[in-house]
Amino acid sequence: MPRYEFRCRECAQTFEVDRPMSRSGEPADCPAGHSDTVRLLSTVAVGGLAKAPSGGGCCGGACGCGG
């Protein structure tokens, strides 16, 4: 299940909430009981992705795309 990070605007506490993607846009209450929170952008790296080719462009310049 995805984990979303939130920050409370009242007390500045940062906290995480596990919930399905279908509920990702719902607000979350601060553990201290405040309701004025904002979801933060995640900086989590996802493993298993292909490495981008070196040399620039979409395919390292071999496709003629100007890369």
C-alpha atoms as a PDB file:
ATOM      1  CA  MET A   1       0.000   0.000   0.000  1.00  0.00           C
ATOM      2  CA  PRO A   2       1.412   3.439  -0.879  1.00  0.00           C
ATOM      3  CA  ARG A   3       2.632   5.742   1.877  1.00  0.00           C
ATOM      4  CA  TYR A   4       1.940   9.473   1.668  1.00  0.00           C
ATOM      5  CA  GLU A   5       3.743  12.170   3.609  1.00  0.00           C
ATOM      6  CA  PHE A   6       1.870  15.125   5.088  1.00  0.00           C
ATOM      7  CA  ARG A   7       2.838  18.242   7.034  1.00  0.00           C
ATOM      8  CA  CYS A   8       0.650  20.030   9.549  1.00  0.00           C
ATOM      9  CA  ARG A   9       0.396  23.764   8.927  1.00  0.00           C
ATOM     10  CA  GLU A  10      -0.431  24.439  12.587  1.00  0.00           C
ATOM     11  CA  CYS A  11       2.393  22.607  14.397  1.00  0.00           C
ATOM     12  CA  ALA A  12       4.771  21.864  11.439  1.00  0.00           C
ATOM     13  CA  GLN A  13       4.848  18.144  12.303  1.00  0.00           C
ATOM     14  CA  THR A  14       5.558  15.816   9.358  1.00  0.00           C
ATOM     15  CA  PHE A  15       3.823  12.432   9.350  1.00  0.00           C
ATOM     16  CA  GLU A  16       3.069   9.525   7.013  1.00  0.00           C
ATOM     17  CA  VAL A  17      -0.219   7.845   6.135  1.00  0.00           C
ATOM     18  CA  ASP A  18      -0.630   4.452   4.440  1.00  0.00           C
ATOM     19  CA  ARG A  19      -3.677   4.335   2.173  1.00  0.00           C
ATOM     20  CA  PRO A  20      -4.774   3.038  -1.234  1.00  0.00           C
ATOM     21  CA  MET A  21      -4.066   5.176  -4.315  1.00  0.00           C
ATOM     22  CA  SER A  22      -7.815   5.668  -4.729  1.00  0.00           C
ATOM     23  CA  ARG A  23      -7.727   7.732  -1.511  1.00  0.00           C
ATOM     24  CA  SER A  24      -4.479   9.605  -2.214  1.00  0.00           C
ATOM     25  CA  GLY A  25      -6.172  12.996  -2.562  1.00  0.00           C
ATOM     26  CA  GLU A  26      -8.076  12.823   0.715  1.00  0.00           C
ATOM     27  CA  PRO A  27      -6.969  15.080   3.569  1.00  0.00           C
ATOM     28  CA  ALA A  28      -5.276  13.615   6.642  1.00  0.00           C
ATOM     29  CA  ASP A  29      -5.488  14.759  10.247  1.00  0.00           C
ATOM     30  CA  CYS A  30      -2.289  15.541  12.121  1.00  0.00           C
ATOM     31  CA  PRO A  31      -1.453  13.071  14.937  1.00  0.00           C
ATOM     32  CA  ALA A  32      -1.760  16.058  17.294  1.00  0.00           C
ATOM     33  CA  GLY A  33      -5.392  16.486  16.210  1.00  0.00           C
ATOM     34  CA  HIS A  34      -5.049  19.394  13.771  1.00  0.00           C
ATOM     35  CA  SER A  35      -6.871  19.262  10.447  1.00  0.00           C
ATOM     36  CA  ASP A  36      -4.942  21.905   8.456  1.00  0.00           C
ATOM     37  CA  THR A  37      -2.494  19.609   6.663  1.00  0.00           C
ATOM     38  CA  VAL A  38      -0.895  19.478   3.235  1.00  0.00           C
ATOM     39  CA  ARG A  39       0.387  16.453   1.335  1.00  0.00           C
ATOM     40  CA  LEU A  40       4.079  16.627   0.440  1.00  0.00           C
ATOM     41  CA  LEU A  41       5.667  15.443  -2.774  1.00  0.00           C
ATOM     42  CA  SER A  42       7.498  12.194  -2.289  1.00  0.00           C
ATOM     43  CA  THR A  43      11.207  11.864  -2.969  1.00  0.00           C
ATOM     44  CA  VAL A  44      11.200   8.076  -2.697  1.00  0.00           C
ATOM     45  CA  ALA A  45      13.289   6.330  -5.343  1.00  0.00           C
ATOM     46  CA  VAL A  46      11.720   3.397  -7.139  1.00  0.00           C
ATOM     47  CA  GLY A  47      14.061   0.488  -7.738  1.00  0.00           C
ATOM     48  CA  GLY A  48      14.145  -1.655 -10.846  1.00  0.00           C
ATOM     49  CA  LEU A  49      13.849   1.137 -13.388  1.00  0.00           C
ATOM     50  CA  ALA A  50      16.029   1.034 -16.478  1.00  0.00           C
ATOM     51  CA  LYS A  51      18.980   3.392 -16.448  1.00  0.00           C
ATOM     52  CA  ALA A  52      18.681   6.304 -18.860  1.00  0.00           C
ATOM     53  CA  PRO A  53      21.133   6.039 -21.753  1.00  0.00           C
ATOM     54  CA  SER A  54      24.149   8.297 -21.635  1.00  0.00           C
ATOM     55  CA  GLY A  55      24.840  10.734 -24.408  1.00  0.00           C
ATOM     56  CA  GLY A  56      21.626  12.745 -24.091  1.00  0.00           C
ATOM     57  CA  GLY A  57      18.343  12.620 -25.933  1.00  0.00           C
ATOM     58  CA  CYS A  58      15.720   9.921 -25.789  1.00  0.00           C
ATOM     59  CA  CYS A  59      18.016   7.130 -26.940  1.00  0.00           C
ATOM     60  CA  GLY A  60      21.542   8.440 -26.639  1.00  0.00           C
ATOM     61  CA  GLY A  61      21.394  10.196 -29.994  1.00  0.00           C
ATOM     62  CA  ALA A  62      21.098   7.058 -32.145  1.00  0.00           C
ATOM     63  CA  CYS A  63      17.508   7.654 -33.263  1.00  0.00           C
ATOM     64  CA  GLY A  64      18.091  10.930 -35.073  1.00  0.00           C
ATOM     65  CA  CYS A  65      15.871  12.829 -32.648  1.00  0.00           C
ATOM     66  CA  GLY A  66      18.529  15.451 -32.114  1.00  0.00           C
ATOM     67  CA  GLY A  67      19.659  13.925 -28.807  1.00  0.00           C
END
